[in-house]
Amino acid sequence: MRTRKLATLLAGAALASTTLVVVGAAPASAAGPCGSSYSRVGVYAIPKTGTRTGTLEVYYSSSTGKNCALAYGYGSNYGTTTWKGVSISRANGTGYDVDADYYQYYAGPVYVSAPGTCINVSGSVVAAKTTSLNNVHCG
């Protein structure tokens, strides 16, 4: 009986210490790829149809009024140095920001200040594999 209580107590203590480690491992305000005030507002396959080569992610910060975008490799294109590019602008074409080169994981982040207006965003992973969205995420 005593051994059983001791084993239960030790198992409970081990679980509690494990829980504390897991809970303590994540910071209270974990920042995403664009910064701590950004929330993801869209995820799109690159290209829209056919064999997927990447993922285009769009974020927005209501505190700054800025949008942010990244283009990630997908499948064999994630972790492999391939052409990756991402661009963002206001829907009227102003505020254009771009990042494109041979990257291992992703291109970006790129930013545009667009409070109260729509944006254009485009992502490319592997030459000629592109997803472009115009007049989206209108704020």
N, C-alpha and C. Protein backbone atom coordinates (compact mmCIF):
# COMPACT_ATOMS: atom_id res chain seq x y z
N MET A 1 0.82 -1.19 0.00
CA MET A 1 0.00 0.00 0.00
C MET A 1 0.86 1.25 0.00
N ARG A 2 1.88 1.26 0.83
CA ARG A 2 2.76 2.41 0.92
C ARG A 2 3.52 2.64 -0.39
N THR A 3 3.96 1.58 -1.03
CA THR A 3 4.67 1.67 -2.30
C THR A 3 3.78 2.26 -3.38
N ARG A 4 2.52 1.85 -3.37
CA ARG A 4 1.56 2.35 -4.35
C ARG A 4 1.35 3.86 -4.17
N LYS A 5 1.20 4.34 -2.95
CA LYS A 5 1.03 5.77 -2.69
C LYS A 5 2.26 6.55 -3.12
N LEU A 6 3.43 6.00 -2.84
CA LEU A 6 4.68 6.66 -3.22
C LEU A 6 4.79 6.74 -4.74
N ALA A 7 4.43 5.66 -5.43
CA ALA A 7 4.49 5.65 -6.89
C ALA A 7 3.51 6.68 -7.47
N THR A 8 2.31 6.75 -6.90
CA THR A 8 1.31 7.73 -7.36
C THR A 8 1.81 9.15 -7.12
N LEU A 9 2.40 9.38 -5.97
CA LEU A 9 2.92 10.71 -5.64
C LEU A 9 4.05 11.10 -6.59
N LEU A 10 4.96 10.17 -6.86
CA LEU A 10 6.07 10.46 -7.77
C LEU A 10 5.58 10.70 -9.20
N ALA A 11 4.61 9.92 -9.63
CA ALA A 11 4.06 10.11 -10.98
C ALA A 11 3.38 11.47 -11.08
N GLY A 12 2.65 11.85 -10.05
CA GLY A 12 2.00 13.16 -10.03
C GLY A 12 3.02 14.29 -10.05
N ALA A 13 4.10 14.14 -9.29
CA ALA A 13 5.15 15.16 -9.26
C ALA A 13 5.84 15.27 -10.61
N ALA A 14 6.09 14.14 -11.26
CA ALA A 14 6.72 14.15 -12.58
C ALA A 14 5.82 14.84 -13.60
N LEU A 15 4.52 14.54 -13.54
CA LEU A 15 3.58 15.17 -14.45
C LEU A 15 3.51 16.67 -14.21
N ALA A 16 3.48 17.07 -12.96
CA ALA A 16 3.43 18.50 -12.63
C ALA A 16 4.67 19.23 -13.11
N SER A 17 5.84 18.63 -12.92
CA SER A 17 7.06 19.30 -13.36
C SER A 17 7.14 19.36 -14.87
N THR A 18 6.65 18.31 -15.56
CA THR A 18 6.60 18.33 -17.01
C THR A 18 5.66 19.42 -17.50
N THR A 19 4.51 19.52 -16.85
CA THR A 19 3.54 20.54 -17.23
C THR A 19 4.12 21.93 -17.03
N LEU A 20 4.83 22.14 -15.96
CA LEU A 20 5.43 23.44 -15.72
C LEU A 20 6.46 23.79 -16.77
N VAL A 21 7.24 22.81 -17.20
CA VAL A 21 8.24 23.05 -18.23
C VAL A 21 7.57 23.43 -19.54
N VAL A 22 6.52 22.70 -19.92
CA VAL A 22 5.83 22.98 -21.17
C VAL A 22 5.16 24.35 -21.12
N VAL A 23 4.46 24.65 -20.04
CA VAL A 23 3.79 25.93 -19.92
C VAL A 23 4.81 27.06 -19.89
N GLY A 24 5.90 26.87 -19.19
CA GLY A 24 6.91 27.92 -19.08
C GLY A 24 7.73 28.12 -20.34
N ALA A 25 7.67 27.17 -21.28
CA ALA A 25 8.51 27.25 -22.48
C ALA A 25 8.02 28.30 -23.47
N ALA A 26 6.73 28.57 -23.51
CA ALA A 26 6.20 29.53 -24.48
C ALA A 26 6.13 30.92 -23.86
N PRO A 27 6.69 31.93 -24.51
CA PRO A 27 6.60 33.28 -23.98
C PRO A 27 5.16 33.79 -23.99
N ALA A 28 4.85 34.69 -23.11
CA ALA A 28 3.48 35.20 -22.98
C ALA A 28 3.01 35.90 -24.24
N SER A 29 3.89 36.57 -24.96
CA SER A 29 3.48 37.27 -26.18
C SER A 29 4.37 36.82 -27.33
N ALA A 30 4.13 35.60 -27.80
CA ALA A 30 4.94 35.05 -28.89
C ALA A 30 4.69 35.84 -30.17
N ALA A 31 5.75 36.24 -30.82
CA ALA A 31 5.65 37.01 -32.06
C ALA A 31 5.58 36.08 -33.25
N GLY A 32 4.72 36.41 -34.21
CA GLY A 32 4.64 35.66 -35.45
C GLY A 32 5.71 36.14 -36.41
N PRO A 33 5.66 35.71 -37.65
CA PRO A 33 6.71 36.09 -38.61
C PRO A 33 6.74 37.58 -38.94
N CYS A 34 5.64 38.29 -38.71
CA CYS A 34 5.58 39.72 -39.03
C CYS A 34 5.75 40.60 -37.80
N GLY A 35 5.58 40.04 -36.62
CA GLY A 35 5.66 40.80 -35.39
C GLY A 35 4.54 40.41 -34.45
N SER A 36 4.62 40.88 -33.23
CA SER A 36 3.69 40.43 -32.20
C SER A 36 2.27 40.94 -32.37
N SER A 37 2.04 42.04 -33.07
CA SER A 37 0.68 42.58 -33.17
C SER A 37 -0.07 42.08 -34.41
N TYR A 38 0.53 41.19 -35.20
CA TYR A 38 -0.07 40.74 -36.45
C TYR A 38 -0.86 39.44 -36.28
N SER A 39 -2.00 39.39 -36.95
CA SER A 39 -2.83 38.17 -37.00
C SER A 39 -2.94 37.72 -38.45
N ARG A 40 -2.90 36.41 -38.66
CA ARG A 40 -3.01 35.87 -40.02
C ARG A 40 -4.44 36.06 -40.51
N VAL A 41 -4.58 36.62 -41.71
CA VAL A 41 -5.90 36.87 -42.30
C VAL A 41 -6.13 36.08 -43.59
N GLY A 42 -5.10 35.43 -44.10
CA GLY A 42 -5.27 34.64 -45.32
C GLY A 42 -4.13 33.69 -45.57
N VAL A 43 -4.47 32.51 -46.10
CA VAL A 43 -3.49 31.49 -46.48
C VAL A 43 -3.91 30.96 -47.85
N TYR A 44 -2.98 30.98 -48.81
CA TYR A 44 -3.31 30.62 -50.18
C TYR A 44 -2.25 29.69 -50.76
N ALA A 45 -2.69 28.70 -51.53
CA ALA A 45 -1.77 27.78 -52.20
C ALA A 45 -1.08 28.50 -53.36
N ILE A 46 0.18 28.18 -53.57
CA ILE A 46 0.95 28.66 -54.73
C ILE A 46 1.29 27.44 -55.57
N PRO A 47 0.88 27.39 -56.84
CA PRO A 47 -0.11 28.22 -57.51
C PRO A 47 -1.52 27.84 -57.06
N LYS A 48 -2.52 28.59 -57.52
CA LYS A 48 -3.90 28.34 -57.10
C LYS A 48 -4.39 26.97 -57.55
N THR A 49 -3.94 26.52 -58.72
CA THR A 49 -4.33 25.20 -59.25
C THR A 49 -3.07 24.45 -59.67
N GLY A 50 -3.17 23.16 -59.77
CA GLY A 50 -2.02 22.36 -60.17
C GLY A 50 -1.21 21.92 -58.97
N THR A 51 -0.01 21.47 -59.21
CA THR A 51 0.86 20.97 -58.16
C THR A 51 1.34 22.12 -57.28
N ARG A 52 1.06 22.01 -56.02
CA ARG A 52 1.41 23.07 -55.06
C ARG A 52 2.92 23.12 -54.82
N THR A 53 3.49 24.33 -54.94
CA THR A 53 4.92 24.51 -54.68
C THR A 53 5.17 25.38 -53.45
N GLY A 54 4.12 26.11 -53.02
CA GLY A 54 4.33 27.00 -51.89
C GLY A 54 3.04 27.46 -51.25
N THR A 55 3.20 28.33 -50.25
CA THR A 55 2.07 28.90 -49.51
C THR A 55 2.29 30.40 -49.35
N LEU A 56 1.27 31.18 -49.66
CA LEU A 56 1.29 32.62 -49.47
C LEU A 56 0.47 32.92 -48.22
N GLU A 57 1.08 33.60 -47.26
CA GLU A 57 0.39 33.97 -46.03
C GLU A 57 0.31 35.49 -45.93
N VAL A 58 -0.87 35.99 -45.51
CA VAL A 58 -1.10 37.42 -45.36
C VAL A 58 -1.51 37.69 -43.91
N TYR A 59 -0.92 38.72 -43.33
CA TYR A 59 -1.17 39.11 -41.94
C TYR A 59 -1.61 40.57 -41.89
N TYR A 60 -2.30 40.93 -40.78
CA TYR A 60 -2.72 42.32 -40.59
C TYR A 60 -2.56 42.70 -39.13
N SER A 61 -2.14 43.93 -38.90
CA SER A 61 -2.04 44.48 -37.55
C SER A 61 -3.01 45.66 -37.43
N SER A 62 -4.03 45.50 -36.61
CA SER A 62 -4.99 46.59 -36.42
C SER A 62 -4.36 47.75 -35.66
N SER A 63 -3.32 47.47 -34.87
CA SER A 63 -2.68 48.55 -34.11
C SER A 63 -1.79 49.43 -34.98
N THR A 64 -1.23 48.88 -36.06
CA THR A 64 -0.37 49.68 -36.95
C THR A 64 -1.04 50.02 -38.28
N GLY A 65 -2.11 49.29 -38.65
CA GLY A 65 -2.76 49.49 -39.94
C GLY A 65 -1.96 48.93 -41.10
N LYS A 66 -1.01 48.04 -40.79
CA LYS A 66 -0.15 47.47 -41.83
C LYS A 66 -0.53 46.02 -42.14
N ASN A 67 -0.33 45.66 -43.41
CA ASN A 67 -0.43 44.27 -43.85
C ASN A 67 0.98 43.75 -44.06
N CYS A 68 1.13 42.46 -43.97
CA CYS A 68 2.42 41.79 -44.13
C CYS A 68 2.18 40.51 -44.91
N ALA A 69 3.17 40.08 -45.70
CA ALA A 69 3.02 38.84 -46.45
C ALA A 69 4.35 38.09 -46.53
N LEU A 70 4.25 36.76 -46.63
CA LEU A 70 5.40 35.87 -46.80
C LEU A 70 5.02 34.78 -47.79
N ALA A 71 6.01 34.24 -48.50
CA ALA A 71 5.80 33.11 -49.39
C ALA A 71 6.73 31.99 -48.94
N TYR A 72 6.14 30.88 -48.51
CA TYR A 72 6.89 29.73 -48.01
C TYR A 72 6.96 28.64 -49.07
N GLY A 73 8.06 27.92 -49.07
CA GLY A 73 8.13 26.72 -49.89
C GLY A 73 7.23 25.66 -49.29
N TYR A 74 6.75 24.74 -50.12
CA TYR A 74 5.87 23.66 -49.67
C TYR A 74 6.42 22.34 -50.19
N GLY A 75 6.30 21.30 -49.39
CA GLY A 75 6.77 19.98 -49.81
C GLY A 75 8.27 20.01 -50.02
N SER A 76 8.72 19.54 -51.17
CA SER A 76 10.16 19.47 -51.44
C SER A 76 10.78 20.86 -51.62
N ASN A 77 9.97 21.90 -51.75
CA ASN A 77 10.48 23.27 -51.88
C ASN A 77 10.70 23.95 -50.54
N TYR A 78 10.29 23.31 -49.45
CA TYR A 78 10.54 23.86 -48.11
C TYR A 78 11.85 23.25 -47.62
N GLY A 79 12.80 24.09 -47.30
CA GLY A 79 14.10 23.61 -46.85
C GLY A 79 15.08 23.41 -47.99
N THR A 80 14.64 23.67 -49.22
CA THR A 80 15.48 23.57 -50.40
C THR A 80 15.63 24.97 -50.99
N THR A 81 16.82 25.33 -51.36
CA THR A 81 17.05 26.66 -51.94
C THR A 81 16.46 26.69 -53.34
N THR A 82 15.36 27.42 -53.47
CA THR A 82 14.68 27.62 -54.75
C THR A 82 14.25 29.08 -54.83
N TRP A 83 13.79 29.50 -56.02
CA TRP A 83 13.30 30.85 -56.19
C TRP A 83 12.03 31.03 -55.36
N LYS A 84 12.04 32.06 -54.51
CA LYS A 84 10.87 32.40 -53.71
C LYS A 84 10.74 33.91 -53.72
N GLY A 85 9.51 34.38 -53.95
CA GLY A 85 9.28 35.81 -53.99
C GLY A 85 7.92 36.17 -53.44
N VAL A 86 7.81 37.38 -52.90
CA VAL A 86 6.54 37.88 -52.38
C VAL A 86 6.50 39.38 -52.57
N SER A 87 5.32 39.90 -52.92
CA SER A 87 5.15 41.35 -53.06
C SER A 87 3.81 41.75 -52.47
N ILE A 88 3.73 43.03 -52.07
CA ILE A 88 2.51 43.57 -51.49
C ILE A 88 2.44 45.05 -51.81
N SER A 89 1.22 45.57 -52.00
CA SER A 89 1.01 47.00 -52.23
C SER A 89 -0.43 47.33 -51.88
N ARG A 90 -0.72 48.62 -51.82
CA ARG A 90 -2.11 49.04 -51.75
C ARG A 90 -2.74 48.69 -53.10
N ALA A 91 -4.06 48.57 -53.14
CA ALA A 91 -4.75 48.17 -54.37
C ALA A 91 -4.47 49.12 -55.53
N ASN A 92 -4.14 50.39 -55.23
CA ASN A 92 -3.84 51.35 -56.31
C ASN A 92 -2.39 51.26 -56.77
N GLY A 93 -1.63 50.30 -56.21
CA GLY A 93 -0.24 50.08 -56.64
C GLY A 93 0.80 50.83 -55.84
N THR A 94 0.40 51.73 -54.97
CA THR A 94 1.36 52.49 -54.17
C THR A 94 1.80 51.68 -52.94
N GLY A 95 2.93 52.07 -52.38
CA GLY A 95 3.45 51.40 -51.19
C GLY A 95 4.03 50.04 -51.48
N TYR A 96 4.43 49.80 -52.71
CA TYR A 96 4.92 48.50 -53.16
C TYR A 96 6.16 48.07 -52.39
N ASP A 97 6.15 46.80 -51.91
CA ASP A 97 7.31 46.21 -51.23
C ASP A 97 7.47 44.80 -51.77
N VAL A 98 8.71 44.41 -52.06
CA VAL A 98 8.97 43.10 -52.65
C VAL A 98 10.23 42.48 -52.04
N ASP A 99 10.24 41.16 -51.96
CA ASP A 99 11.43 40.40 -51.58
C ASP A 99 11.45 39.15 -52.44
N ALA A 100 12.50 38.97 -53.21
CA ALA A 100 12.60 37.80 -54.10
C ALA A 100 14.06 37.44 -54.30
N ASP A 101 14.34 36.14 -54.19
CA ASP A 101 15.70 35.64 -54.38
C ASP A 101 15.65 34.12 -54.21
N TYR A 102 16.80 33.50 -54.21
CA TYR A 102 16.88 32.07 -53.94
C TYR A 102 16.99 31.89 -52.43
N TYR A 103 15.92 31.40 -51.82
CA TYR A 103 15.85 31.21 -50.37
C TYR A 103 15.59 29.74 -50.05
N GLN A 104 15.98 29.37 -48.84
CA GLN A 104 15.78 27.99 -48.41
C GLN A 104 14.35 27.76 -47.90
N TYR A 105 13.80 28.69 -47.13
CA TYR A 105 12.50 28.46 -46.51
C TYR A 105 11.40 29.40 -47.01
N TYR A 106 11.66 30.71 -47.01
CA TYR A 106 10.60 31.65 -47.37
C TYR A 106 11.17 32.98 -47.84
N ALA A 107 10.31 33.73 -48.54
CA ALA A 107 10.61 35.11 -48.93
C ALA A 107 9.73 36.02 -48.09
N GLY A 108 10.26 37.17 -47.72
CA GLY A 108 9.52 38.12 -46.89
C GLY A 108 10.11 38.13 -45.50
N PRO A 109 9.47 38.81 -44.60
CA PRO A 109 8.19 39.47 -44.77
C PRO A 109 8.30 40.81 -45.51
N VAL A 110 7.21 41.16 -46.20
CA VAL A 110 7.09 42.47 -46.84
C VAL A 110 5.87 43.16 -46.22
N TYR A 111 5.89 44.48 -46.20
CA TYR A 111 4.86 45.25 -45.50
C TYR A 111 4.29 46.37 -46.36
N VAL A 112 3.03 46.73 -46.09
CA VAL A 112 2.41 47.92 -46.66
C VAL A 112 1.44 48.49 -45.63
N SER A 113 1.46 49.80 -45.50
CA SER A 113 0.50 50.49 -44.65
C SER A 113 -0.75 50.73 -45.49
N ALA A 114 -1.87 50.09 -45.10
CA ALA A 114 -3.07 50.18 -45.92
C ALA A 114 -4.34 50.21 -45.07
N PRO A 115 -4.40 51.08 -44.05
CA PRO A 115 -5.63 51.12 -43.24
C PRO A 115 -6.80 51.65 -44.06
N GLY A 116 -7.91 50.95 -43.99
CA GLY A 116 -9.11 51.40 -44.69
C GLY A 116 -9.10 51.21 -46.19
N THR A 117 -8.17 50.42 -46.71
CA THR A 117 -8.11 50.19 -48.16
C THR A 117 -7.77 48.73 -48.44
N CYS A 118 -7.91 48.33 -49.69
CA CYS A 118 -7.60 46.95 -50.11
C CYS A 118 -6.12 46.84 -50.50
N ILE A 119 -5.65 45.60 -50.60
CA ILE A 119 -4.26 45.37 -50.99
C ILE A 119 -4.19 44.43 -52.18
N ASN A 120 -3.04 44.45 -52.84
CA ASN A 120 -2.65 43.46 -53.85
C ASN A 120 -1.50 42.69 -53.23
N VAL A 121 -1.50 41.38 -53.41
CA VAL A 121 -0.43 40.55 -52.85
C VAL A 121 -0.14 39.41 -53.81
N SER A 122 1.12 39.03 -53.91
CA SER A 122 1.53 37.98 -54.83
C SER A 122 2.65 37.16 -54.22
N GLY A 123 2.61 35.86 -54.43
CA GLY A 123 3.67 34.97 -53.97
C GLY A 123 4.09 34.02 -55.06
N SER A 124 5.39 33.73 -55.10
CA SER A 124 5.93 32.84 -56.11
C SER A 124 6.94 31.89 -55.46
N VAL A 125 6.79 30.61 -55.74
CA VAL A 125 7.76 29.61 -55.29
C VAL A 125 8.03 28.72 -56.49
N VAL A 126 9.23 28.79 -56.99
CA VAL A 126 9.69 28.15 -58.22
C VAL A 126 9.19 29.00 -59.39
N ALA A 127 10.08 29.27 -60.32
CA ALA A 127 9.76 30.15 -61.45
C ALA A 127 8.45 29.75 -62.12
N ALA A 128 7.63 30.73 -62.44
CA ALA A 128 6.35 30.57 -63.14
C ALA A 128 5.25 29.93 -62.29
N LYS A 129 5.48 29.71 -61.01
CA LYS A 129 4.44 29.20 -60.10
C LYS A 129 4.07 30.34 -59.17
N THR A 130 2.97 31.02 -59.47
CA THR A 130 2.61 32.25 -58.78
C THR A 130 1.14 32.27 -58.40
N THR A 131 0.84 32.91 -57.28
CA THR A 131 -0.53 33.22 -56.89
C THR A 131 -0.58 34.72 -56.68
N SER A 132 -1.48 35.39 -57.41
CA SER A 132 -1.66 36.85 -57.28
C SER A 132 -3.10 37.13 -56.91
N LEU A 133 -3.27 38.02 -55.93
CA LEU A 133 -4.59 38.42 -55.47
C LEU A 133 -4.68 39.93 -55.51
N ASN A 134 -5.72 40.47 -56.12
CA ASN A 134 -5.90 41.92 -56.22
C ASN A 134 -7.16 42.35 -55.50
N ASN A 135 -7.09 43.53 -54.88
CA ASN A 135 -8.23 44.10 -54.16
C ASN A 135 -8.77 43.16 -53.10
N VAL A 136 -7.87 42.66 -52.23
CA VAL A 136 -8.28 41.74 -51.17
C VAL A 136 -7.95 42.34 -49.79
N HIS A 137 -8.47 41.71 -48.79
CA HIS A 137 -8.22 42.09 -47.38
C HIS A 137 -8.44 43.59 -47.17
N CYS A 138 -9.61 44.02 -47.59
CA CYS A 138 -9.97 45.44 -47.50
C CYS A 138 -10.26 45.79 -46.04
N GLY A 139 -9.62 46.82 -45.57
CA GLY A 139 -9.77 47.14 -44.15
C GLY A 139 -10.35 48.47 -43.99
